[in-house]
């Protein structure tokens, strides 16, 4: 829908100003997400997720 979930919007707002627009465009327009994208690691760290947590998130998401 182009809407960024509230938790992700808070994350985007925490990024340096010059990174916010590209992050929003990626999140609003993406039809595919890649586990290896640097933003995934940054988001995970910002949300307090370990690499194992992120891997599990990806597995759970793939089951949707």
N, C-alpha and C. Protein backbone atom coordinates (compact mmCIF):
# COMPACT_ATOMS: atom_id res chain seq x y z
N UNK A 1 0.81 -1.21 0.00
CA UNK A 1 0.00 0.00 0.00
C UNK A 1 0.85 1.26 0.00
N UNK A 2 2.14 1.10 0.20
CA UNK A 2 3.02 2.26 0.27
C UNK A 2 3.12 2.83 1.66
N UNK A 3 2.41 2.22 2.62
CA UNK A 3 2.45 2.69 3.99
C UNK A 3 3.53 1.93 4.76
N UNK A 4 4.36 2.69 5.45
CA UNK A 4 5.42 2.09 6.25
C UNK A 4 4.86 1.83 7.65
N UNK A 5 5.00 0.60 8.17
CA UNK A 5 4.53 0.32 9.54
C UNK A 5 5.17 1.27 10.55
N UNK A 6 4.44 1.57 11.61
CA UNK A 6 4.88 2.56 12.60
C UNK A 6 6.28 2.27 13.15
N UNK A 7 6.56 1.01 13.48
CA UNK A 7 7.88 0.68 14.04
C UNK A 7 8.99 0.96 13.02
N UNK A 8 8.72 0.69 11.76
CA UNK A 8 9.73 0.95 10.73
C UNK A 8 9.86 2.45 10.48
N UNK A 9 8.76 3.18 10.56
CA UNK A 9 8.82 4.63 10.38
C UNK A 9 9.66 5.26 11.48
N UNK A 10 9.52 4.78 12.70
CA UNK A 10 10.35 5.29 13.81
C UNK A 10 11.82 5.02 13.52
N UNK A 11 12.10 3.83 12.97
CA UNK A 11 13.47 3.50 12.61
C UNK A 11 13.99 4.46 11.54
N UNK A 12 13.19 4.70 10.50
CA UNK A 12 13.61 5.60 9.42
C UNK A 12 13.90 6.99 9.98
N UNK A 13 13.06 7.46 10.87
CA UNK A 13 13.27 8.78 11.46
C UNK A 13 14.54 8.85 12.31
N UNK A 14 15.02 7.70 12.76
CA UNK A 14 16.24 7.69 13.56
C UNK A 14 17.51 7.71 12.70
N UNK A 15 17.35 7.48 11.40
CA UNK A 15 18.50 7.49 10.50
C UNK A 15 18.98 8.92 10.28
N UNK A 16 20.24 9.08 9.87
CA UNK A 16 20.70 10.42 9.49
C UNK A 16 19.80 10.98 8.38
N UNK A 17 19.60 12.27 8.37
CA UNK A 17 18.67 12.93 7.44
C UNK A 17 18.87 12.50 5.99
N UNK A 18 20.13 12.39 5.56
CA UNK A 18 20.40 12.07 4.15
C UNK A 18 20.06 10.62 3.81
N UNK A 19 19.84 9.78 4.81
CA UNK A 19 19.49 8.39 4.55
C UNK A 19 17.98 8.14 4.65
N UNK A 20 17.23 9.09 5.18
CA UNK A 20 15.80 8.88 5.39
C UNK A 20 15.01 8.76 4.09
N UNK A 21 15.22 9.65 3.15
CA UNK A 21 14.47 9.59 1.89
C UNK A 21 14.73 8.29 1.14
N UNK A 22 16.00 7.89 0.93
CA UNK A 22 16.22 6.62 0.23
C UNK A 22 15.60 5.43 0.97
N UNK A 23 15.65 5.45 2.30
CA UNK A 23 15.06 4.34 3.07
C UNK A 23 13.55 4.31 2.88
N UNK A 24 12.91 5.46 2.92
CA UNK A 24 11.45 5.51 2.71
C UNK A 24 11.08 5.01 1.31
N UNK A 25 11.83 5.43 0.32
CA UNK A 25 11.52 5.00 -1.05
C UNK A 25 11.68 3.48 -1.18
N UNK A 26 12.71 2.95 -0.57
CA UNK A 26 12.92 1.51 -0.61
C UNK A 26 11.77 0.78 0.07
N UNK A 27 11.41 1.23 1.26
CA UNK A 27 10.36 0.55 2.02
C UNK A 27 8.97 0.73 1.41
N UNK A 28 8.69 1.88 0.83
CA UNK A 28 7.37 2.11 0.26
C UNK A 28 7.17 1.44 -1.09
N UNK A 29 8.23 1.30 -1.84
CA UNK A 29 8.07 0.79 -3.19
C UNK A 29 8.54 -0.63 -3.41
N UNK A 30 9.11 -1.23 -2.38
CA UNK A 30 9.68 -2.56 -2.56
C UNK A 30 8.61 -3.62 -2.79
N UNK A 31 8.90 -4.49 -3.71
CA UNK A 31 8.06 -5.67 -3.91
C UNK A 31 8.84 -6.92 -3.52
N UNK A 32 10.09 -6.70 -3.19
CA UNK A 32 10.97 -7.78 -2.77
C UNK A 32 11.96 -7.22 -1.76
N UNK A 33 12.24 -8.00 -0.73
CA UNK A 33 13.21 -7.59 0.27
C UNK A 33 14.33 -8.61 0.29
N UNK A 34 15.54 -8.13 0.36
CA UNK A 34 16.71 -9.00 0.35
C UNK A 34 17.36 -9.00 1.73
N UNK A 35 17.59 -10.19 2.25
CA UNK A 35 18.17 -10.34 3.58
C UNK A 35 19.54 -9.67 3.67
N UNK A 36 20.29 -9.68 2.58
CA UNK A 36 21.66 -9.14 2.58
C UNK A 36 21.73 -7.62 2.43
N UNK A 37 20.59 -6.95 2.24
CA UNK A 37 20.60 -5.49 2.07
C UNK A 37 21.10 -4.85 3.38
N UNK A 38 22.01 -3.87 3.30
CA UNK A 38 22.56 -3.24 4.51
C UNK A 38 21.51 -2.64 5.44
N UNK A 39 20.39 -2.20 4.89
CA UNK A 39 19.35 -1.61 5.72
C UNK A 39 18.74 -2.65 6.67
N UNK A 40 18.74 -3.92 6.29
CA UNK A 40 18.21 -4.97 7.14
C UNK A 40 19.04 -5.08 8.43
N UNK A 41 20.34 -5.07 8.28
CA UNK A 41 21.22 -5.16 9.45
C UNK A 41 21.05 -3.92 10.33
N UNK A 42 20.97 -2.75 9.72
CA UNK A 42 20.80 -1.51 10.47
C UNK A 42 19.47 -1.51 11.21
N UNK A 43 18.39 -1.93 10.52
CA UNK A 43 17.07 -2.00 11.14
C UNK A 43 17.10 -2.99 12.30
N UNK A 44 17.68 -4.16 12.07
CA UNK A 44 17.76 -5.16 13.13
C UNK A 44 18.47 -4.65 14.36
N UNK A 45 19.59 -3.99 14.15
CA UNK A 45 20.34 -3.43 15.28
C UNK A 45 19.52 -2.37 16.00
N UNK A 46 18.83 -1.54 15.23
CA UNK A 46 18.00 -0.49 15.82
C UNK A 46 16.83 -1.05 16.62
N UNK A 47 16.37 -2.23 16.25
CA UNK A 47 15.25 -2.86 16.94
C UNK A 47 15.72 -3.84 18.02
N UNK A 48 17.05 -3.91 18.20
CA UNK A 48 17.60 -4.80 19.21
C UNK A 48 17.57 -6.27 18.82
N UNK A 49 17.55 -6.56 17.51
CA UNK A 49 17.51 -7.93 17.02
C UNK A 49 18.92 -8.45 16.76
N UNK A 50 19.14 -9.70 17.12
CA UNK A 50 20.40 -10.35 16.80
C UNK A 50 20.34 -10.85 15.36
N UNK A 51 21.47 -11.28 14.85
CA UNK A 51 21.49 -11.87 13.50
C UNK A 51 20.57 -13.09 13.44
N UNK A 52 20.55 -13.88 14.50
CA UNK A 52 19.67 -15.05 14.55
C UNK A 52 18.20 -14.62 14.55
N UNK A 53 17.88 -13.53 15.26
CA UNK A 53 16.51 -13.01 15.25
C UNK A 53 16.09 -12.57 13.85
N UNK A 54 17.00 -11.89 13.16
CA UNK A 54 16.71 -11.43 11.80
C UNK A 54 16.51 -12.62 10.87
N UNK A 55 17.37 -13.63 11.01
CA UNK A 55 17.21 -14.83 10.20
C UNK A 55 15.84 -15.47 10.43
N UNK A 56 15.40 -15.51 11.70
CA UNK A 56 14.09 -16.10 12.01
C UNK A 56 12.97 -15.25 11.43
N UNK A 57 13.13 -13.93 11.50
CA UNK A 57 12.15 -13.03 10.90
C UNK A 57 12.00 -13.32 9.41
N UNK A 58 13.13 -13.54 8.75
CA UNK A 58 13.11 -13.85 7.31
C UNK A 58 12.41 -15.19 7.05
N UNK A 59 12.69 -16.18 7.89
CA UNK A 59 12.03 -17.49 7.72
C UNK A 59 10.52 -17.34 7.95
N UNK A 60 10.15 -16.60 8.98
CA UNK A 60 8.73 -16.40 9.25
C UNK A 60 8.04 -15.66 8.11
N UNK A 61 8.72 -14.63 7.60
CA UNK A 61 8.16 -13.85 6.49
C UNK A 61 8.00 -14.68 5.23
N UNK A 62 8.90 -15.61 5.01
CA UNK A 62 8.82 -16.42 3.80
C UNK A 62 7.63 -17.38 3.84
N UNK A 63 7.11 -17.61 5.03
CA UNK A 63 5.96 -18.51 5.18
C UNK A 63 4.63 -17.79 4.96
N UNK A 64 4.65 -16.49 4.82
CA UNK A 64 3.40 -15.75 4.63
C UNK A 64 2.81 -15.98 3.26
